[in-house]
Protein backbone atom coordinates (compact mmCIF):
# COMPACT_ATOMS: atom_id res chain seq x y z
CA MET A 1 75.93 -36.09 -82.74
CA GLU A 2 74.47 -38.87 -84.84
CA ILE A 3 72.89 -41.82 -83.56
CA ASP A 4 73.73 -45.14 -85.18
CA LYS A 5 70.16 -46.51 -86.25
CA THR A 6 71.75 -49.96 -87.06
CA SER A 7 72.33 -50.69 -83.54
CA PHE A 8 68.73 -50.69 -82.70
CA ASP A 9 68.03 -53.26 -85.34
CA HIS A 10 69.92 -55.99 -83.48
CA ILE A 11 67.86 -55.52 -79.92
CA MET A 12 66.14 -58.67 -79.24
CA GLU A 13 62.80 -58.77 -77.30
CA GLU A 14 62.83 -61.33 -74.64
CA TYR A 15 59.50 -62.63 -73.18
CA ILE A 16 59.23 -63.69 -69.70
CA LEU A 17 56.38 -65.52 -67.95
CA LEU A 18 55.29 -64.01 -64.46
CA ASP A 19 54.39 -67.02 -62.58
CA LEU A 20 51.86 -66.24 -59.44
CA ASP A 21 50.63 -69.98 -58.55
CA ALA A 22 52.60 -69.65 -55.32
CA VAL A 23 50.54 -66.72 -54.36
CA TYR A 24 47.20 -67.81 -55.78
CA GLY A 25 44.62 -68.25 -52.81
CA GLN A 26 46.95 -66.63 -50.42
CA VAL A 27 46.26 -63.03 -51.48
CA ALA A 28 43.19 -61.58 -53.43
CA ILE A 29 44.63 -59.39 -56.41
CA PRO A 30 42.00 -57.34 -58.14
CA PRO A 31 42.06 -57.26 -61.81
CA ASP A 32 42.94 -53.79 -62.57
CA GLU A 33 45.35 -53.20 -59.72
CA ALA A 34 48.42 -51.12 -60.56
CA PHE A 35 51.95 -52.88 -60.38
CA ILE A 36 55.42 -52.08 -60.63
CA LEU A 37 58.15 -54.69 -61.57
CA SER A 38 61.65 -53.75 -60.51
CA LYS A 39 64.97 -55.14 -60.42
CA LEU A 40 64.69 -57.22 -63.49
CA ASP A 41 68.26 -57.11 -64.17
CA THR A 42 68.79 -59.03 -60.54
CA MET A 43 68.51 -62.67 -59.65
CA ASN A 44 65.32 -61.68 -57.59
CA PRO A 45 63.16 -59.12 -59.23
CA VAL A 46 60.59 -57.41 -57.09
CA LEU A 47 56.68 -57.39 -58.03
CA THR A 48 54.91 -54.61 -56.16
CA ILE A 49 51.02 -54.84 -56.50
CA GLY A 50 49.30 -51.88 -55.13
CA ASN A 51 50.56 -50.10 -52.09
CA ASN A 52 51.29 -52.98 -49.71
CA LEU A 53 51.86 -56.33 -51.49
CA LYS A 54 55.28 -57.10 -52.60
CA LEU A 55 56.45 -60.38 -54.13
CA ILE A 56 59.91 -61.71 -54.72
CA GLY A 57 60.73 -63.45 -58.11
CA GLU A 58 63.14 -66.12 -59.14
CA TYR A 59 64.25 -66.88 -62.66
CA GLU A 60 63.62 -70.50 -63.56
CA GLU A 61 64.99 -71.53 -66.94
CA THR A 62 62.72 -73.75 -69.18
CA ILE A 63 63.39 -77.00 -70.77
CA GLY A 64 63.27 -76.19 -74.30
CA THR A 65 60.79 -73.48 -75.59
CA CYS A 66 57.39 -72.49 -74.06
CA LEU A 67 55.03 -71.27 -76.70
CA ILE A 68 52.47 -68.78 -75.80
CA PHE A 69 49.10 -69.05 -77.51
CA SER A 70 45.87 -66.91 -77.65
CA GLU A 71 42.34 -68.56 -78.09
CA LYS A 72 39.26 -67.11 -79.46
CA VAL A 73 35.93 -68.90 -79.80
CA LEU A 74 35.48 -69.97 -83.48
CA ASN A 75 31.69 -68.84 -83.24
CA VAL A 76 32.83 -65.24 -82.70
CA ILE A 77 35.11 -65.25 -85.47
CA LEU A 78 32.81 -66.78 -87.61
CA ALA A 79 30.40 -64.07 -86.78
CA GLU A 80 32.83 -61.27 -87.02
CA LYS A 81 33.44 -62.64 -90.39
CA ALA A 82 29.81 -62.69 -91.49
CA LEU A 83 29.24 -59.28 -90.25
CA SER A 84 32.19 -57.97 -92.05
CA SER A 85 31.21 -59.75 -95.31
CA HIS A 86 27.73 -58.77 -95.14
CA GLU A 87 28.70 -55.00 -94.76
CA GLU A 88 31.04 -55.35 -97.56
CA THR A 89 28.48 -57.11 -99.95
CA GLY A 90 25.38 -55.13 -98.89
CA SER A 91 22.07 -56.29 -97.54
CA THR A 92 20.60 -58.49 -100.31
CA GLU A 93 17.99 -61.61 -99.56
CA ALA A 94 20.98 -63.91 -101.05
CA ASN A 95 23.52 -62.49 -98.58
CA ASN A 96 21.32 -62.71 -95.58
CA SER A 97 20.12 -66.52 -96.24
CA LYS A 98 23.99 -67.45 -96.89
CA ASN A 99 25.04 -66.00 -93.63
CA ASP A 100 22.08 -67.02 -91.45
CA GLY A 101 23.38 -70.63 -90.43
CA ILE A 102 26.97 -69.69 -89.50
CA VAL A 103 26.64 -69.29 -85.84
CA ASP A 104 24.49 -71.74 -84.35
CA PRO A 105 23.92 -71.75 -80.80
CA ASN A 106 23.14 -75.28 -80.41
CA THR A 107 26.48 -76.46 -81.90
CA GLY A 108 29.39 -76.60 -79.26
CA SER A 109 31.95 -74.03 -79.50
CA SER A 110 35.34 -74.40 -81.35
CA LYS A 111 38.39 -72.41 -80.44
CA HIS A 112 40.70 -70.72 -82.80
CA ILE A 113 44.24 -70.98 -81.42
CA ARG A 114 47.04 -68.89 -82.96
CA PRO A 115 50.96 -68.78 -81.59
CA VAL A 116 51.76 -65.33 -80.00
CA THR A 117 55.29 -65.60 -78.92
CA SER A 118 57.83 -68.00 -77.25
CA LEU A 119 59.85 -67.72 -74.19
CA HIS A 120 62.76 -69.24 -72.37
CA LYS A 121 62.27 -68.11 -68.94
CA ILE A 122 59.77 -68.06 -66.10
CA LEU A 123 59.98 -65.73 -63.39
CA LYS A 124 58.15 -67.50 -60.16
CA PHE A 125 56.95 -65.01 -57.44
CA ARG A 126 56.19 -65.97 -53.78
CA LEU A 127 55.17 -63.54 -51.00
CA LEU A 128 58.13 -61.44 -49.49
CA SER A 129 57.15 -62.59 -46.26
CA GLU A 130 58.05 -66.12 -47.03
CA VAL A 131 61.34 -65.39 -48.17
CA ASP A 132 62.42 -63.39 -45.00
CA GLY A 133 60.20 -65.20 -42.34
CA LEU A 134 58.45 -62.14 -41.52
CA GLY A 135 54.84 -61.12 -42.14
CA SER A 136 54.41 -58.15 -44.58
CA THR A 137 53.37 -56.08 -41.70
CA GLU A 138 55.85 -57.14 -39.06
CA LYS A 139 58.73 -55.27 -38.41
CA PRO A 140 62.25 -56.87 -37.46
CA PRO A 141 62.90 -56.98 -33.63
CA ASP A 142 64.63 -54.11 -32.41
CA PRO A 143 68.33 -55.38 -31.01
CA THR A 144 68.42 -52.53 -28.40
CA MET A 145 65.00 -53.60 -26.85
CA GLU A 146 66.27 -56.92 -25.63
CA ASN A 147 65.55 -58.23 -21.94
């Protein structure tokens, strides 16, 4: 059986911004904590962080297109370029004097910003306990235990 390779050429990548502003300050999320993002094809995806924190998401369409940028301090970029050109041309007195003034710690740092991608959806997350009205460790009341 042969796979049609041309069908893979038409697959579009879709980027989604994960918005955690609603839970920021309520819970501490370690920077290297493992997470699982599940049920992406539903209206309310679930983000599980670690073993016990569950967040429920809701898609929000953006008005227009959101552009995602990356930034890098310009002094770092200039230093990297100076180092690479210094290595390429060799260590001569002329090259050393030419590259000495590139990175001046007394000048303000500038940032180099470049576009990374664009997106049309934001996935806003909130604590699962806010959705169902229960704390994350509480169990629903047992109907057989009524007075």
